[in-house]
Amino acid sequence: MANLKPYTDQVSDAYARLTTGMRTLRCPVPGCTLRIRYRHVTPDEDSRLVALAHDHTRHDNRK
């Protein structure tokens, strides 16, 4: 059976965007479960959150 986790995550993100207007950022590293949801932030804060989500070394829990 196929792994439905990525599909359910996409549905969850779309639902959050449609119902509450929240944007979702995810880490592009396979297996990383980081998800940042936000709304009503300044452009500077948006840039900071995007950089945090896309830089895996800044949020990796493994030491």
N, C-alpha and C. Protein backbone atom coordinates (compact mmCIF):
# COMPACT_ATOMS: atom_id res chain seq x y z
N MET A 1 0.84 -1.18 0.00
CA MET A 1 0.00 0.00 0.00
C MET A 1 0.88 1.24 0.00
N ALA A 2 0.49 2.23 -0.73
CA ALA A 2 1.26 3.47 -0.86
C ALA A 2 1.23 4.27 0.44
N ASN A 3 2.28 5.03 0.66
CA ASN A 3 2.35 5.90 1.83
C ASN A 3 1.46 7.12 1.59
N LEU A 4 0.41 7.27 2.39
CA LEU A 4 -0.54 8.36 2.22
C LEU A 4 -0.18 9.61 3.03
N LYS A 5 0.90 9.55 3.82
CA LYS A 5 1.27 10.68 4.67
C LYS A 5 1.48 11.97 3.89
N PRO A 6 2.27 11.97 2.78
CA PRO A 6 2.43 13.23 2.05
C PRO A 6 1.10 13.78 1.52
N TYR A 7 0.22 12.90 1.08
CA TYR A 7 -1.08 13.34 0.57
C TYR A 7 -1.92 13.96 1.69
N THR A 8 -1.96 13.32 2.84
CA THR A 8 -2.76 13.86 3.95
C THR A 8 -2.18 15.18 4.44
N ASP A 9 -0.85 15.32 4.40
CA ASP A 9 -0.23 16.60 4.78
C ASP A 9 -0.64 17.71 3.82
N GLN A 10 -0.67 17.41 2.54
CA GLN A 10 -1.06 18.41 1.54
C GLN A 10 -2.52 18.81 1.72
N VAL A 11 -3.37 17.85 2.01
CA VAL A 11 -4.79 18.15 2.25
C VAL A 11 -4.93 19.00 3.50
N SER A 12 -4.19 18.67 4.54
CA SER A 12 -4.24 19.44 5.78
C SER A 12 -3.78 20.88 5.55
N ASP A 13 -2.71 21.06 4.78
CA ASP A 13 -2.21 22.40 4.48
C ASP A 13 -3.23 23.20 3.68
N ALA A 14 -3.84 22.57 2.69
CA ALA A 14 -4.85 23.25 1.86
C ALA A 14 -6.06 23.63 2.71
N TYR A 15 -6.48 22.75 3.59
CA TYR A 15 -7.62 23.03 4.46
C TYR A 15 -7.32 24.22 5.37
N ALA A 16 -6.13 24.25 5.95
CA ALA A 16 -5.75 25.37 6.82
C ALA A 16 -5.73 26.68 6.05
N ARG A 17 -5.27 26.63 4.82
CA ARG A 17 -5.20 27.87 4.02
C ARG A 17 -6.60 28.35 3.66
N LEU A 18 -7.48 27.43 3.29
CA LEU A 18 -8.82 27.82 2.87
C LEU A 18 -9.70 28.26 4.04
N THR A 19 -9.59 27.61 5.18
CA THR A 19 -10.50 27.91 6.29
C THR A 19 -10.00 29.02 7.20
N THR A 20 -8.69 29.14 7.37
CA THR A 20 -8.17 30.14 8.31
C THR A 20 -7.24 31.15 7.68
N GLY A 21 -6.89 30.95 6.41
CA GLY A 21 -5.98 31.87 5.74
C GLY A 21 -4.53 31.71 6.14
N MET A 22 -4.19 30.58 6.75
CA MET A 22 -2.82 30.35 7.19
C MET A 22 -1.98 29.76 6.06
N ARG A 23 -0.74 30.22 5.98
CA ARG A 23 0.22 29.64 5.03
C ARG A 23 1.04 28.60 5.77
N THR A 24 1.50 27.59 5.06
CA THR A 24 2.29 26.53 5.65
C THR A 24 3.63 26.42 4.93
N LEU A 25 4.69 26.41 5.71
CA LEU A 25 6.03 26.18 5.18
C LEU A 25 6.52 24.84 5.69
N ARG A 26 7.23 24.11 4.84
CA ARG A 26 7.79 22.82 5.23
C ARG A 26 9.27 22.77 4.87
N CYS A 27 10.00 22.00 5.63
CA CYS A 27 11.41 21.77 5.33
C CYS A 27 11.49 20.86 4.10
N PRO A 28 12.38 21.18 3.13
CA PRO A 28 12.48 20.36 1.93
C PRO A 28 13.26 19.06 2.12
N VAL A 29 13.86 18.84 3.29
CA VAL A 29 14.64 17.63 3.53
C VAL A 29 13.69 16.45 3.74
N PRO A 30 13.87 15.36 2.98
CA PRO A 30 12.99 14.19 3.15
C PRO A 30 13.07 13.66 4.59
N GLY A 31 11.93 13.37 5.15
CA GLY A 31 11.87 12.83 6.50
C GLY A 31 11.77 13.88 7.60
N CYS A 32 12.04 15.13 7.29
CA CYS A 32 11.93 16.19 8.29
C CYS A 32 10.46 16.57 8.42
N THR A 33 9.99 16.64 9.64
CA THR A 33 8.56 16.90 9.88
C THR A 33 8.27 18.35 10.26
N LEU A 34 9.24 19.24 10.11
CA LEU A 34 9.02 20.64 10.45
C LEU A 34 7.90 21.23 9.61
N ARG A 35 6.97 21.90 10.30
CA ARG A 35 5.88 22.61 9.62
C ARG A 35 5.66 23.91 10.37
N ILE A 36 5.69 25.01 9.64
CA ILE A 36 5.44 26.33 10.22
C ILE A 36 4.19 26.88 9.56
N ARG A 37 3.17 27.16 10.37
CA ARG A 37 1.94 27.78 9.87
C ARG A 37 1.85 29.19 10.42
N TYR A 38 1.50 30.12 9.55
CA TYR A 38 1.42 31.51 9.98
C TYR A 38 0.44 32.29 9.12
N ARG A 39 0.06 33.45 9.63
CA ARG A 39 -0.77 34.39 8.87
C ARG A 39 -0.56 35.78 9.46
N HIS A 40 -0.86 36.77 8.66
CA HIS A 40 -0.78 38.17 9.08
C HIS A 40 0.59 38.53 9.67
N VAL A 41 1.65 38.29 8.91
CA VAL A 41 2.98 38.69 9.36
C VAL A 41 3.54 39.72 8.38
N THR A 42 4.53 40.45 8.83
CA THR A 42 5.17 41.44 7.98
C THR A 42 6.03 40.74 6.92
N PRO A 43 6.36 41.42 5.85
CA PRO A 43 7.23 40.81 4.83
C PRO A 43 8.59 40.37 5.40
N ASP A 44 9.13 41.13 6.35
CA ASP A 44 10.40 40.74 6.96
C ASP A 44 10.26 39.45 7.76
N GLU A 45 9.19 39.34 8.51
CA GLU A 45 8.95 38.11 9.29
C GLU A 45 8.69 36.93 8.36
N ASP A 46 8.00 37.17 7.26
CA ASP A 46 7.76 36.12 6.26
C ASP A 46 9.09 35.60 5.73
N SER A 47 9.99 36.49 5.39
CA SER A 47 11.31 36.09 4.88
C SER A 47 12.09 35.30 5.92
N ARG A 48 12.01 35.73 7.18
CA ARG A 48 12.71 35.02 8.25
C ARG A 48 12.17 33.61 8.43
N LEU A 49 10.85 33.45 8.38
CA LEU A 49 10.25 32.12 8.54
C LEU A 49 10.59 31.21 7.37
N VAL A 50 10.60 31.75 6.16
CA VAL A 50 10.97 30.96 4.98
C VAL A 50 12.41 30.48 5.11
N ALA A 51 13.30 31.37 5.53
CA ALA A 51 14.71 31.00 5.70
C ALA A 51 14.86 29.92 6.77
N LEU A 52 14.13 30.05 7.86
CA LEU A 52 14.19 29.06 8.93
C LEU A 52 13.71 27.69 8.45
N ALA A 53 12.61 27.67 7.73
CA ALA A 53 12.05 26.40 7.26
C ALA A 53 12.96 25.72 6.25
N HIS A 54 13.61 26.50 5.41
CA HIS A 54 14.41 25.91 4.33
C HIS A 54 15.85 25.61 4.73
N ASP A 55 16.31 26.10 5.87
CA ASP A 55 17.67 25.81 6.34
C ASP A 55 17.58 24.72 7.41
N HIS A 56 17.76 23.48 6.99
CA HIS A 56 17.58 22.33 7.88
C HIS A 56 18.54 22.36 9.06
N THR A 57 19.71 22.96 8.89
CA THR A 57 20.68 22.98 9.99
C THR A 57 20.22 23.86 11.15
N ARG A 58 19.29 24.76 10.91
CA ARG A 58 18.81 25.65 11.97
C ARG A 58 17.71 25.03 12.82
N HIS A 59 17.10 23.95 12.35
CA HIS A 59 16.02 23.36 13.14
C HIS A 59 16.14 21.85 13.31
N ASP A 60 17.25 21.27 12.90
CA ASP A 60 17.45 19.83 13.05
C ASP A 60 17.59 19.49 14.53
N ASN A 61 16.81 18.51 15.01
CA ASN A 61 16.84 18.13 16.42
C ASN A 61 17.96 17.15 16.75
N ARG A 62 18.49 16.48 15.76
CA ARG A 62 19.53 15.48 16.01
C ARG A 62 20.85 16.15 16.30
N LYS A 63 21.51 15.69 17.34
CA LYS A 63 22.82 16.26 17.71
C LYS A 63 23.91 15.23 17.48
